[in-house]
């Protein structure tokens, strides 16, 4: 969609490519973080981050899920064959906190990370070993400076 063209009144955030966390049209409800679907979404998030670090495994630690801090379910209109969850996770080592949107595809019972992964706390000097500013958000250097 272009701002210079006609914008239909029925457009959705998805049509306009607005990420779910920033869509003011959606309602979110808090979900119990002990539910299996949230555990799976949290693990999928950490798995995705580790995938981003594939080219840095010589210097960056493999991250594990420490715990899930928050989970929100996005309320969509009826007839949608997926459920979106916003999850905030804490990883170890390093205590990195990340949030993202995970989509649960109901027909196939699979999950995919849909949104950008945002780091919500500072990494300070724990990611000194990588040059990429993007990868510093996710990397916890195997060797820490003393």
N, C-alpha and C. Protein backbone atom coordinates (compact mmCIF):
# COMPACT_ATOMS: atom_id res chain seq x y z
N UNK A 1 0.84 -1.19 0.00
CA UNK A 1 0.00 0.00 0.00
C UNK A 1 0.88 1.24 0.00
N UNK A 2 0.44 2.19 -0.71
CA UNK A 2 1.18 3.43 -0.78
C UNK A 2 0.37 4.54 -0.11
N UNK A 3 1.05 5.41 0.57
CA UNK A 3 0.37 6.57 1.16
C UNK A 3 -0.13 7.52 0.08
N UNK A 4 0.39 7.37 -1.14
CA UNK A 4 -0.01 8.24 -2.23
C UNK A 4 -1.21 7.70 -2.99
N UNK A 5 -1.59 6.46 -2.70
CA UNK A 5 -2.75 5.87 -3.35
C UNK A 5 -3.96 5.91 -2.43
N UNK A 6 -5.06 5.39 -2.94
CA UNK A 6 -6.28 5.33 -2.16
C UNK A 6 -6.14 4.23 -1.11
N UNK A 7 -6.48 4.55 0.10
CA UNK A 7 -6.36 3.59 1.21
C UNK A 7 -7.76 3.11 1.56
N UNK A 8 -7.99 1.80 1.43
CA UNK A 8 -9.33 1.28 1.74
C UNK A 8 -9.63 1.37 3.23
N UNK A 9 -10.88 1.66 3.57
CA UNK A 9 -11.28 1.77 4.96
C UNK A 9 -11.21 0.43 5.69
N UNK A 10 -11.26 -0.66 4.93
CA UNK A 10 -11.27 -1.99 5.55
C UNK A 10 -9.86 -2.56 5.74
N UNK A 11 -8.83 -1.75 5.55
CA UNK A 11 -7.46 -2.28 5.67
C UNK A 11 -7.19 -2.75 7.09
N UNK A 12 -6.29 -3.70 7.19
CA UNK A 12 -5.88 -4.23 8.49
C UNK A 12 -4.41 -3.90 8.71
N UNK A 13 -3.95 -4.14 9.92
CA UNK A 13 -2.53 -3.94 10.20
C UNK A 13 -1.68 -4.84 9.32
N UNK A 14 -2.16 -6.06 9.11
CA UNK A 14 -1.42 -7.00 8.26
C UNK A 14 -1.32 -6.46 6.84
N UNK A 15 -2.42 -5.88 6.31
CA UNK A 15 -2.40 -5.29 4.97
C UNK A 15 -1.35 -4.17 4.89
N UNK A 16 -1.27 -3.38 5.94
CA UNK A 16 -0.38 -2.23 5.97
C UNK A 16 1.03 -2.58 6.45
N UNK A 17 1.27 -3.87 6.72
CA UNK A 17 2.58 -4.36 7.18
C UNK A 17 2.99 -3.75 8.52
N UNK A 18 2.01 -3.49 9.37
CA UNK A 18 2.28 -3.00 10.73
C UNK A 18 2.46 -4.22 11.63
N UNK A 19 3.61 -4.40 12.27
CA UNK A 19 3.82 -5.56 13.14
C UNK A 19 2.78 -5.61 14.26
N UNK A 20 2.39 -6.81 14.63
CA UNK A 20 1.36 -7.02 15.64
C UNK A 20 1.61 -6.22 16.92
N UNK A 21 2.84 -6.17 17.45
CA UNK A 21 3.02 -5.43 18.70
C UNK A 21 2.65 -3.95 18.60
N UNK A 22 2.68 -3.40 17.38
CA UNK A 22 2.43 -1.98 17.19
C UNK A 22 1.05 -1.68 16.63
N UNK A 23 0.25 -2.71 16.43
CA UNK A 23 -1.08 -2.53 15.86
C UNK A 23 -2.06 -2.13 16.97
N UNK A 24 -2.63 -0.95 16.84
CA UNK A 24 -3.57 -0.47 17.85
C UNK A 24 -4.98 -1.03 17.63
N UNK A 25 -5.19 -1.72 16.53
CA UNK A 25 -6.51 -2.31 16.25
C UNK A 25 -6.73 -3.62 17.00
N UNK A 26 -5.66 -4.27 17.40
CA UNK A 26 -5.77 -5.58 18.05
C UNK A 26 -5.91 -5.44 19.56
N UNK A 27 -6.69 -6.32 20.12
CA UNK A 27 -6.78 -6.42 21.56
C UNK A 27 -5.89 -7.58 22.00
N UNK A 28 -5.26 -7.42 23.15
CA UNK A 28 -4.39 -8.46 23.68
C UNK A 28 -4.90 -8.87 25.05
N UNK A 29 -4.84 -10.17 25.32
CA UNK A 29 -5.20 -10.66 26.63
C UNK A 29 -4.00 -11.40 27.21
N UNK A 30 -3.82 -11.27 28.50
CA UNK A 30 -2.72 -11.93 29.18
C UNK A 30 -3.00 -13.43 29.22
N UNK A 31 -1.96 -14.21 28.97
CA UNK A 31 -2.07 -15.66 28.95
C UNK A 31 -1.16 -16.21 30.05
N UNK A 32 -1.62 -17.25 30.71
CA UNK A 32 -0.82 -17.90 31.75
C UNK A 32 0.44 -18.48 31.12
N UNK A 33 1.60 -18.10 31.65
CA UNK A 33 2.87 -18.53 31.04
C UNK A 33 3.17 -20.00 31.27
N UNK A 34 2.36 -20.69 32.07
CA UNK A 34 2.59 -22.13 32.28
C UNK A 34 1.87 -22.99 31.24
N UNK A 35 1.07 -22.38 30.37
CA UNK A 35 0.38 -23.15 29.32
C UNK A 35 1.40 -23.72 28.34
N UNK A 36 1.13 -24.93 27.87
CA UNK A 36 2.06 -25.59 26.94
C UNK A 36 2.30 -24.77 25.68
N UNK A 37 1.28 -24.11 25.16
CA UNK A 37 1.44 -23.33 23.94
C UNK A 37 2.42 -22.18 24.16
N UNK A 38 2.43 -21.62 25.35
CA UNK A 38 3.35 -20.52 25.66
C UNK A 38 4.76 -21.05 25.86
N UNK A 39 4.88 -22.20 26.49
CA UNK A 39 6.20 -22.82 26.63
C UNK A 39 6.80 -23.09 25.26
N UNK A 40 5.98 -23.62 24.35
CA UNK A 40 6.44 -23.90 22.99
C UNK A 40 6.83 -22.61 22.25
N UNK A 41 6.02 -21.58 22.40
CA UNK A 41 6.31 -20.30 21.75
C UNK A 41 7.61 -19.70 22.28
N UNK A 42 7.83 -19.83 23.57
CA UNK A 42 9.05 -19.31 24.18
C UNK A 42 10.27 -20.07 23.68
N UNK A 43 10.16 -21.38 23.62
CA UNK A 43 11.27 -22.20 23.12
C UNK A 43 11.54 -21.90 21.65
N UNK A 44 10.49 -21.68 20.87
CA UNK A 44 10.64 -21.34 19.45
C UNK A 44 11.38 -20.01 19.29
N UNK A 45 11.11 -19.07 20.19
CA UNK A 45 11.79 -17.77 20.15
C UNK A 45 13.28 -17.94 20.37
N UNK A 46 13.65 -18.71 21.38
CA UNK A 46 15.08 -18.92 21.69
C UNK A 46 15.75 -19.71 20.57
N UNK A 47 15.04 -20.68 20.03
CA UNK A 47 15.56 -21.46 18.89
C UNK A 47 15.83 -20.53 17.71
N UNK A 48 14.94 -19.60 17.47
CA UNK A 48 15.10 -18.65 16.37
C UNK A 48 16.33 -17.77 16.60
N UNK A 49 16.50 -17.28 17.84
CA UNK A 49 17.67 -16.44 18.15
C UNK A 49 18.95 -17.24 17.93
N UNK A 50 18.98 -18.48 18.41
CA UNK A 50 20.16 -19.31 18.19
C UNK A 50 20.42 -19.52 16.69
N UNK A 51 19.37 -19.59 15.90
CA UNK A 51 19.53 -19.69 14.45
C UNK A 51 20.18 -18.45 13.86
N UNK A 52 19.84 -17.28 14.40
CA UNK A 52 20.47 -16.04 13.95
C UNK A 52 21.97 -16.04 14.25
N UNK A 53 22.35 -16.73 15.31
CA UNK A 53 23.74 -16.76 15.75
C UNK A 53 24.56 -17.89 15.12
N UNK A 54 23.99 -18.59 14.14
CA UNK A 54 24.66 -19.75 13.53
C UNK A 54 26.09 -19.43 13.07
N UNK A 55 26.30 -18.29 12.47
CA UNK A 55 27.64 -17.93 11.97
C UNK A 55 28.57 -17.41 13.06
N UNK A 56 28.09 -17.38 14.29
CA UNK A 56 28.89 -16.82 15.39
C UNK A 56 29.08 -17.83 16.53
N UNK A 57 28.85 -19.11 16.26
CA UNK A 57 28.93 -20.10 17.33
C UNK A 57 30.33 -20.27 17.89
N UNK A 58 31.35 -19.82 17.16
CA UNK A 58 32.71 -19.92 17.68
C UNK A 58 32.95 -18.92 18.81
N UNK A 59 32.21 -17.82 18.82
CA UNK A 59 32.43 -16.79 19.85
C UNK A 59 31.21 -16.54 20.74
N UNK A 60 30.00 -16.86 20.26
CA UNK A 60 28.78 -16.60 21.03
C UNK A 60 28.26 -17.88 21.68
N UNK A 61 27.79 -17.75 22.89
CA UNK A 61 27.23 -18.89 23.63
C UNK A 61 25.89 -19.31 23.03
N UNK A 62 25.60 -20.60 23.13
CA UNK A 62 24.29 -21.12 22.79
C UNK A 62 23.34 -20.67 23.90
N UNK A 63 22.23 -20.06 23.54
CA UNK A 63 21.29 -19.54 24.53
C UNK A 63 20.25 -20.58 24.89
N UNK A 64 19.81 -20.55 26.13
CA UNK A 64 18.75 -21.41 26.63
C UNK A 64 17.65 -20.54 27.20
N UNK A 65 16.46 -21.09 27.24
CA UNK A 65 15.34 -20.38 27.86
C UNK A 65 15.50 -20.42 29.36
N UNK A 66 15.61 -19.25 29.98
CA UNK A 66 15.66 -19.16 31.43
C UNK A 66 14.23 -19.21 31.95
N UNK A 67 13.41 -18.28 31.47
CA UNK A 67 11.98 -18.29 31.80
C UNK A 67 11.21 -17.36 30.87
N UNK A 68 9.90 -17.52 30.91
CA UNK A 68 9.00 -16.65 30.16
C UNK A 68 8.51 -15.59 31.12
N UNK A 69 8.66 -14.34 30.74
CA UNK A 69 8.29 -13.23 31.61
C UNK A 69 6.84 -12.79 31.41
N UNK A 70 6.36 -12.88 30.17
CA UNK A 70 5.03 -12.39 29.85
C UNK A 70 4.55 -13.02 28.56
N UNK A 71 3.26 -13.27 28.47
CA UNK A 71 2.67 -13.76 27.22
C UNK A 71 1.31 -13.09 27.03
N UNK A 72 1.09 -12.63 25.82
CA UNK A 72 -0.18 -12.00 25.45
C UNK A 72 -0.71 -12.69 24.20
N UNK A 73 -2.01 -12.91 24.19
CA UNK A 73 -2.67 -13.48 23.02
C UNK A 73 -3.33 -12.34 22.26
N UNK A 74 -3.11 -12.31 20.95
CA UNK A 74 -3.72 -11.29 20.12
C UNK A 74 -5.08 -11.75 19.67
N UNK A 75 -6.07 -10.94 19.90
CA UNK A 75 -7.43 -11.27 19.50
C UNK A 75 -7.65 -10.85 18.06
N UNK A 76 -7.98 -11.82 17.22
CA UNK A 76 -8.26 -11.58 15.80
C UNK A 76 -9.75 -11.80 15.55
N UNK A 77 -10.18 -11.35 14.38
CA UNK A 77 -11.56 -11.63 13.99
C UNK A 77 -11.73 -13.12 13.71
N UNK A 78 -12.95 -13.59 13.78
CA UNK A 78 -13.24 -15.02 13.57
C UNK A 78 -12.85 -15.46 12.17
N UNK A 79 -12.58 -16.74 12.04
CA UNK A 79 -12.25 -17.31 10.74
C UNK A 79 -10.77 -17.38 10.44
N UNK A 80 -9.95 -16.91 11.34
CA UNK A 80 -8.49 -16.95 11.15
C UNK A 80 -7.99 -18.31 11.61
N UNK A 81 -7.08 -18.89 10.86
CA UNK A 81 -6.58 -20.22 11.17
C UNK A 81 -5.25 -20.20 11.92
N UNK A 82 -5.02 -19.13 12.64
CA UNK A 82 -3.82 -19.05 13.46
C UNK A 82 -4.10 -18.19 14.68
N UNK A 83 -3.25 -18.34 15.66
CA UNK A 83 -3.30 -17.50 16.86
C UNK A 83 -1.93 -16.88 17.04
N UNK A 84 -1.90 -15.57 17.29
CA UNK A 84 -0.64 -14.87 17.52
C UNK A 84 -0.44 -14.65 19.01
N UNK A 85 0.79 -14.87 19.44
CA UNK A 85 1.17 -14.63 20.83
C UNK A 85 2.35 -13.69 20.84
N UNK A 86 2.32 -12.75 21.75
CA UNK A 86 3.49 -11.92 22.02
C UNK A 86 4.13 -12.51 23.26
N UNK A 87 5.38 -12.92 23.13
CA UNK A 87 6.07 -13.52 24.28
C UNK A 87 7.30 -12.71 24.62
N UNK A 88 7.56 -12.58 25.92
CA UNK A 88 8.78 -11.96 26.41
C UNK A 88 9.53 -13.02 27.19
N UNK A 89 10.75 -13.30 26.76
CA UNK A 89 11.54 -14.36 27.37
C UNK A 89 12.84 -13.81 27.93
N UNK A 90 13.38 -14.57 28.87
CA UNK A 90 14.70 -14.27 29.43
C UNK A 90 15.58 -15.47 29.13
N UNK A 91 16.79 -15.21 28.62
CA UNK A 91 17.69 -16.28 28.23
C UNK A 91 18.89 -16.37 29.17
N UNK A 92 19.55 -17.52 29.10
CA UNK A 92 20.81 -17.68 29.81
C UNK A 92 21.78 -18.36 28.86
N UNK A 93 23.06 -18.08 28.96
CA UNK A 93 23.65 -17.17 29.94
C UNK A 93 23.41 -15.71 29.56
N UNK A 94 23.62 -14.84 30.48
CA UNK A 94 23.61 -13.41 30.23
C UNK A 94 22.35 -12.66 30.61
N UNK A 95 21.23 -13.36 30.77
CA UNK A 95 20.01 -12.69 31.19
C UNK A 95 19.40 -11.77 30.14
N UNK A 96 19.62 -12.07 28.86
CA UNK A 96 19.02 -11.26 27.81
C UNK A 96 17.50 -11.38 27.83
N UNK A 97 16.81 -10.26 27.64
CA UNK A 97 15.35 -10.27 27.59
C UNK A 97 14.92 -9.87 26.19
N UNK A 98 14.05 -10.70 25.60
CA UNK A 98 13.63 -10.50 24.22
C UNK A 98 12.12 -10.65 24.12
N UNK A 99 11.53 -9.89 23.20
CA UNK A 99 10.11 -10.13 22.92
C UNK A 99 9.89 -10.18 21.42
N UNK A 100 8.89 -10.97 21.06
CA UNK A 100 8.55 -11.15 19.66
C UNK A 100 7.15 -11.71 19.52
N UNK A 101 6.69 -11.76 18.29
CA UNK A 101 5.40 -12.36 17.97
C UNK A 101 5.64 -13.77 17.44
N UNK A 102 4.93 -14.73 18.00
CA UNK A 102 4.99 -16.11 17.53
C UNK A 102 3.59 -16.50 17.06
N UNK A 103 3.52 -17.04 15.86
CA UNK A 103 2.24 -17.45 15.28
C UNK A 103 2.07 -18.96 15.42
N UNK A 104 0.93 -19.34 16.02
CA UNK A 104 0.59 -20.75 16.15
C UNK A 104 -0.39 -21.07 15.02
N UNK A 105 0.08 -21.87 14.05
CA UNK A 105 -0.76 -22.28 12.93
C UNK A 105 -1.61 -23.46 13.40
N UNK A 106 -2.90 -23.24 13.50
CA UNK A 106 -3.79 -24.21 14.13
C UNK A 106 -3.97 -25.48 13.31
N UNK A 107 -4.02 -25.38 12.01
CA UNK A 107 -4.25 -26.56 11.17
C UNK A 107 -3.07 -27.53 11.24
N UNK A 108 -1.86 -27.01 11.22
CA UNK A 108 -0.67 -27.87 11.23
C UNK A 108 -0.06 -28.01 12.63
N UNK A 109 -0.59 -27.27 13.58
CA UNK A 109 -0.06 -27.25 14.95
C UNK A 109 1.44 -26.98 14.97
N UNK A 110 1.84 -25.96 14.18
CA UNK A 110 3.24 -25.54 14.14
C UNK A 110 3.34 -24.08 14.55
N UNK A 111 4.55 -23.65 14.88
CA UNK A 111 4.77 -22.27 15.30
C UNK A 111 5.89 -21.65 14.49
N UNK A 112 5.71 -20.37 14.19
CA UNK A 112 6.75 -19.62 13.50
C UNK A 112 6.93 -18.26 14.17
N UNK A 113 8.16 -17.80 14.21
CA UNK A 113 8.43 -16.45 14.70
C UNK A 113 8.10 -15.50 13.57
N UNK A 114 7.20 -14.56 13.83
CA UNK A 114 6.68 -13.67 12.79
C UNK A 114 7.26 -12.27 12.86
N UNK A 115 7.40 -11.76 14.04
CA UNK A 115 7.81 -10.38 14.17
C UNK A 115 9.31 -10.25 14.36
N UNK A 116 9.77 -9.03 14.32
CA UNK A 116 11.17 -8.83 14.67
C UNK A 116 11.38 -9.17 16.14
N UNK A 117 12.56 -9.63 16.47
CA UNK A 117 12.87 -9.92 17.87
C UNK A 117 13.52 -8.68 18.45
N UNK A 118 12.93 -8.15 19.50
CA UNK A 118 13.45 -6.95 20.13
C UNK A 118 14.11 -7.31 21.45
N UNK A 119 15.29 -6.78 21.65
CA UNK A 119 15.93 -6.93 22.96
C UNK A 119 15.42 -5.81 23.84
N UNK A 120 14.96 -6.16 25.04
CA UNK A 120 14.34 -5.14 25.90
C UNK A 120 15.21 -4.75 27.08
N UNK A 121 16.39 -5.35 27.20
CA UNK A 121 17.34 -4.89 28.20
C UNK A 121 18.69 -4.68 27.50
N UNK A 122 19.63 -4.03 28.18
CA UNK A 122 20.92 -3.72 27.56
C UNK A 122 21.89 -4.89 27.64
N UNK A 123 22.68 -5.04 26.60
CA UNK A 123 23.69 -6.10 26.61
C UNK A 123 25.02 -5.60 27.16
N UNK A 124 25.16 -4.30 27.29
CA UNK A 124 26.37 -3.67 27.82
C UNK A 124 27.60 -4.18 27.09
N UNK A 125 28.59 -4.73 27.81
CA UNK A 125 29.81 -5.19 27.14
C UNK A 125 29.87 -6.71 27.06
N UNK A 126 28.72 -7.39 27.13
CA UNK A 126 28.71 -8.85 27.07
C UNK A 126 28.77 -9.37 25.63
N UNK A 127 28.69 -8.47 24.66
CA UNK A 127 28.70 -8.87 23.25
C UNK A 127 29.87 -8.24 22.50
N UNK A 128 30.94 -7.99 23.18
CA UNK A 128 32.10 -7.32 22.60
C UNK A 128 32.74 -8.12 21.47
N UNK A 129 32.51 -9.41 21.43
CA UNK A 129 33.23 -10.31 20.51
C UNK A 129 32.68 -10.32 19.08
N UNK A 130 31.59 -9.61 18.81
CA UNK A 130 31.05 -9.55 17.45
C UNK A 130 31.04 -8.12 16.94
N UNK A 131 31.31 -7.98 15.65
CA UNK A 131 31.34 -6.66 15.03
C UNK A 131 29.97 -6.18 14.59
N UNK A 132 29.08 -7.11 14.31
CA UNK A 132 27.75 -6.77 13.79
C UNK A 132 26.90 -6.15 14.90
N UNK A 133 26.42 -4.94 14.65
CA UNK A 133 25.59 -4.27 15.66
C UNK A 133 24.28 -5.04 15.87
N UNK A 134 23.76 -5.67 14.81
CA UNK A 134 22.53 -6.44 14.96
C UNK A 134 22.77 -7.68 15.83
N UNK A 135 23.88 -8.37 15.59
CA UNK A 135 24.16 -9.60 16.33
C UNK A 135 24.52 -9.33 17.79
N UNK A 136 24.99 -8.13 18.09
CA UNK A 136 25.28 -7.78 19.50
C UNK A 136 24.03 -7.88 20.36
N UNK A 137 22.86 -7.67 19.75
CA UNK A 137 21.61 -7.79 20.50
C UNK A 137 21.39 -9.19 21.04
N UNK A 138 21.92 -10.19 20.33
CA UNK A 138 21.63 -11.58 20.66
C UNK A 138 22.81 -12.33 21.27
N UNK A 139 24.02 -11.91 20.97
CA UNK A 139 25.21 -12.66 21.36
C UNK A 139 25.58 -12.43 22.83
N UNK A 140 25.93 -13.52 23.49
CA UNK A 140 26.59 -13.46 24.79
C UNK A 140 27.93 -14.15 24.58
N UNK A 141 29.00 -13.37 24.59
CA UNK A 141 30.33 -13.89 24.26
C UNK A 141 30.73 -15.01 25.19
N UNK A 142 31.26 -16.09 24.60
CA UNK A 142 31.73 -17.22 25.40
C UNK A 142 32.81 -16.78 26.37
N UNK A 143 33.66 -15.88 25.90
CA UNK A 143 34.72 -15.33 26.76
C UNK A 143 34.29 -13.93 27.17
N UNK A 144 34.10 -13.74 28.44
CA UNK A 144 33.69 -12.42 28.94
C UNK A 144 34.90 -11.63 29.41
N UNK A 145 34.85 -10.33 29.17
CA UNK A 145 35.92 -9.45 29.64
C UNK A 145 35.85 -9.36 31.16
N UNK A 146 37.02 -9.30 31.79
CA UNK A 146 37.01 -9.20 33.26
C UNK A 146 37.15 -7.77 33.72
